[in-house]
Amino acid sequence: MKNIIIILLSLLTISSYGQSELEIKIFKYFNDYRVENGVSPLKFDYKVFLAAQHHNNYLNDNGYPYNYNFYNGHREKELVYVSDRVKEYGTTTLLSSGECIAYVFRAIKQSDESLLMDVIKLWDKSPTHKEIMLLDNIDIGGISVLQLVDSKGDYFLVTLNVVNLSD
């Protein structure tokens, strides 16, 4: 009975952070990927998650990827760098930060799990994103998933933010 209560309280805590089921799953897949590659899993951080969510919304509101007003999807007009965004949302003691973004379409009849794993594989194939995913000096992270539907189909914007709080 005690274990059931602990599990329920954990789920309520995670849900209270406003994460969707997709965001909870991909954060788990991301941490599984880190462990499989010999680095420690990250702790979820709500403030870092909010910065990732902000960036997803900013990208969507500003026409990413086809009509985006910057040469680089990691940049914004006001909160230019990922460090600016995580500071804006309250993570002020950071030493460094990193970001991965993805824009992916859902294949016909593709499950959520398969699509989320495809995002991890996509980042894994990019040397820069892989390096960010496997940094061993980062402590916390958050992943935002923005699911969108238009005439082209079902697609997702995914932003991962990671932060180093200590040496």
Protein backbone atom coordinates (compact mmCIF):
# COMPACT_ATOMS: atom_id res chain seq x y z
CA MET A 1 0.00 0.00 0.00
CA LYS A 2 2.85 2.38 0.87
CA ASN A 3 4.44 1.83 -2.57
CA ILE A 4 1.15 2.60 -4.33
CA ILE A 5 0.81 5.85 -2.39
CA ILE A 6 4.40 6.84 -3.26
CA ILE A 7 3.79 6.09 -6.94
CA LEU A 8 0.54 8.08 -6.95
CA LEU A 9 2.17 11.04 -5.21
CA SER A 10 5.04 10.93 -7.71
CA LEU A 11 2.60 10.96 -10.61
CA LEU A 12 0.67 13.85 -9.10
CA THR A 13 3.90 15.79 -8.61
CA ILE A 14 4.95 15.23 -12.22
CA SER A 15 1.47 16.08 -13.49
CA SER A 16 1.37 19.23 -11.40
CA TYR A 17 4.42 20.46 -13.28
CA GLY A 18 2.25 20.65 -16.38
CA GLN A 19 4.22 18.15 -18.39
CA SER A 20 2.30 16.18 -20.97
CA GLU A 21 2.52 12.42 -21.22
CA LEU A 22 4.72 12.86 -24.31
CA GLU A 23 7.13 15.10 -22.39
CA ILE A 24 7.37 12.66 -19.51
CA LYS A 25 8.06 9.79 -21.93
CA ILE A 26 10.71 11.55 -24.00
CA PHE A 27 12.53 12.73 -20.86
CA LYS A 28 12.66 9.10 -19.76
CA TYR A 29 13.92 8.01 -23.21
CA PHE A 30 16.53 10.76 -23.08
CA ASN A 31 17.74 9.60 -19.67
CA ASP A 32 17.75 5.96 -20.85
CA TYR A 33 19.92 7.09 -23.78
CA ARG A 34 22.33 8.83 -21.39
CA VAL A 35 22.62 5.74 -19.17
CA GLU A 36 23.13 3.45 -22.20
CA ASN A 37 26.02 5.74 -23.19
CA GLY A 38 27.67 5.70 -19.77
CA VAL A 39 26.56 9.04 -18.30
CA SER A 40 24.26 9.77 -15.39
CA PRO A 41 20.58 10.57 -15.94
CA LEU A 42 19.48 14.14 -15.37
CA LYS A 43 17.04 15.43 -12.81
CA PHE A 44 13.94 17.01 -14.28
CA ASP A 45 13.77 20.72 -13.53
CA TYR A 46 10.53 22.65 -13.91
CA LYS A 47 12.22 25.99 -14.63
CA VAL A 48 14.36 24.45 -17.36
CA PHE A 49 11.23 22.78 -18.75
CA LEU A 50 9.46 26.17 -18.86
CA ALA A 51 12.39 27.66 -20.82
CA ALA A 52 12.15 24.76 -23.32
CA GLN A 53 8.39 25.23 -23.55
CA HIS A 54 8.89 28.97 -24.14
CA HIS A 55 11.32 28.26 -26.98
CA ASN A 56 8.94 25.78 -28.64
CA ASN A 57 6.16 28.37 -28.55
CA TYR A 58 8.51 31.08 -29.82
CA LEU A 59 9.64 28.89 -32.72
CA ASN A 60 6.05 28.06 -33.63
CA ASP A 61 4.86 31.66 -33.33
CA ASN A 62 7.71 32.85 -35.56
CA GLY A 63 7.34 30.42 -38.47
CA TYR A 64 9.98 27.80 -37.67
CA PRO A 65 11.42 26.12 -39.67
CA TYR A 66 10.32 27.44 -43.06
CA ASN A 67 9.75 31.14 -42.38
CA TYR A 68 11.86 31.66 -39.27
CA ASN A 69 13.38 35.13 -38.97
CA PHE A 70 16.84 33.95 -37.81
CA TYR A 71 19.51 31.86 -39.46
CA ASN A 72 19.62 29.59 -36.41
CA GLY A 73 16.65 27.95 -34.67
CA HIS A 74 18.45 28.21 -31.33
CA ARG A 75 18.26 32.02 -31.37
CA GLU A 76 15.47 34.41 -30.41
CA LYS A 77 15.11 38.17 -30.71
CA GLU A 78 14.83 39.05 -26.99
CA LEU A 79 16.01 35.95 -25.11
CA VAL A 80 18.77 35.29 -27.62
CA TYR A 81 20.53 32.25 -26.12
CA VAL A 82 19.33 29.22 -24.17
CA SER A 83 21.14 30.63 -21.11
CA ASP A 84 19.02 33.80 -21.40
CA ARG A 85 15.85 31.70 -21.48
CA VAL A 86 16.68 29.47 -18.51
CA LYS A 87 17.72 32.55 -16.50
CA GLU A 88 14.44 34.27 -17.42
CA TYR A 89 12.56 31.29 -15.98
CA GLY A 90 14.51 31.30 -12.72
CA THR A 91 17.63 29.13 -13.15
CA THR A 92 20.13 31.81 -12.21
CA THR A 93 23.09 29.85 -10.82
CA LEU A 94 24.00 28.03 -14.01
CA LEU A 95 27.57 27.60 -15.21
CA SER A 96 26.59 26.47 -18.71
CA SER A 97 23.63 25.30 -20.73
CA GLY A 98 22.81 23.52 -23.97
CA GLU A 99 19.88 22.98 -26.27
CA CYS A 100 18.66 20.52 -28.87
CA ILE A 101 15.67 21.20 -31.09
CA ALA A 102 13.85 18.97 -33.55
CA TYR A 103 11.03 19.39 -36.04
CA VAL A 104 9.56 16.02 -37.03
CA PHE A 105 6.52 14.76 -38.89
CA ARG A 106 4.60 11.72 -37.70
CA ALA A 107 4.68 8.89 -40.23
CA ILE A 108 1.38 7.24 -41.10
CA LYS A 109 0.23 5.12 -38.14
CA GLN A 110 3.44 5.92 -36.21
CA SER A 111 3.04 5.56 -32.45
CA ASP A 112 4.00 8.31 -30.02
CA GLU A 113 6.76 6.09 -28.62
CA SER A 114 8.26 5.50 -32.06
CA LEU A 115 8.14 9.19 -32.91
CA LEU A 116 9.79 10.18 -29.63
CA MET A 117 12.51 7.57 -30.13
CA ASP A 118 13.04 8.99 -33.64
CA VAL A 119 13.74 12.39 -32.06
CA ILE A 120 16.42 10.85 -29.83
CA LYS A 121 17.91 9.05 -32.86
CA LEU A 122 17.84 12.27 -34.89
CA TRP A 123 19.78 14.11 -32.19
CA ASP A 124 22.14 11.14 -31.87
CA LYS A 125 23.04 11.43 -35.58
CA SER A 126 24.02 15.09 -35.21
CA PRO A 127 27.51 15.39 -33.66
CA THR A 128 26.69 18.69 -31.94
CA HIS A 129 23.37 17.47 -30.52
CA LYS A 130 24.90 14.16 -29.47
CA GLU A 131 27.62 16.03 -27.60
CA ILE A 132 25.00 18.09 -25.75
CA MET A 133 22.94 14.98 -24.92
CA LEU A 134 25.97 13.19 -23.48
CA LEU A 135 27.62 16.01 -21.54
CA ASP A 136 28.72 14.56 -18.23
CA ASN A 137 28.90 17.88 -16.38
CA ILE A 138 25.19 18.74 -16.58
CA ASP A 139 22.80 18.31 -13.69
CA ILE A 140 19.26 19.15 -14.73
CA GLY A 141 17.10 19.28 -17.82
CA GLY A 142 13.68 19.62 -19.33
CA ILE A 143 12.08 18.68 -22.65
CA SER A 144 9.06 20.36 -24.20
CA VAL A 145 6.98 18.73 -26.94
CA LEU A 146 4.63 20.88 -29.00
CA GLN A 147 2.28 18.81 -31.15
CA LEU A 148 0.82 20.63 -34.15
CA VAL A 149 -1.50 19.70 -36.97
CA ASP A 150 -1.92 21.49 -40.28
CA SER A 151 -2.63 20.66 -43.91
CA LYS A 152 0.77 18.92 -44.17
CA GLY A 153 -0.01 16.55 -41.32
CA ASP A 154 0.82 15.90 -37.70
CA TYR A 155 4.19 17.33 -36.64
CA PHE A 156 6.12 18.06 -33.49
CA LEU A 157 8.52 20.71 -32.24
CA VAL A 158 10.74 19.30 -29.51
CA THR A 159 13.17 21.32 -27.41
CA LEU A 160 15.62 19.86 -24.90
CA ASN A 161 17.38 22.22 -22.48
CA VAL A 162 20.19 21.02 -20.21
CA VAL A 163 21.99 22.97 -17.49
CA ASN A 164 25.21 22.63 -15.50
CA LEU A 165 24.75 23.99 -11.97
CA SER A 166 28.08 22.84 -10.49
CA ASP A 167 31.68 22.09 -11.45
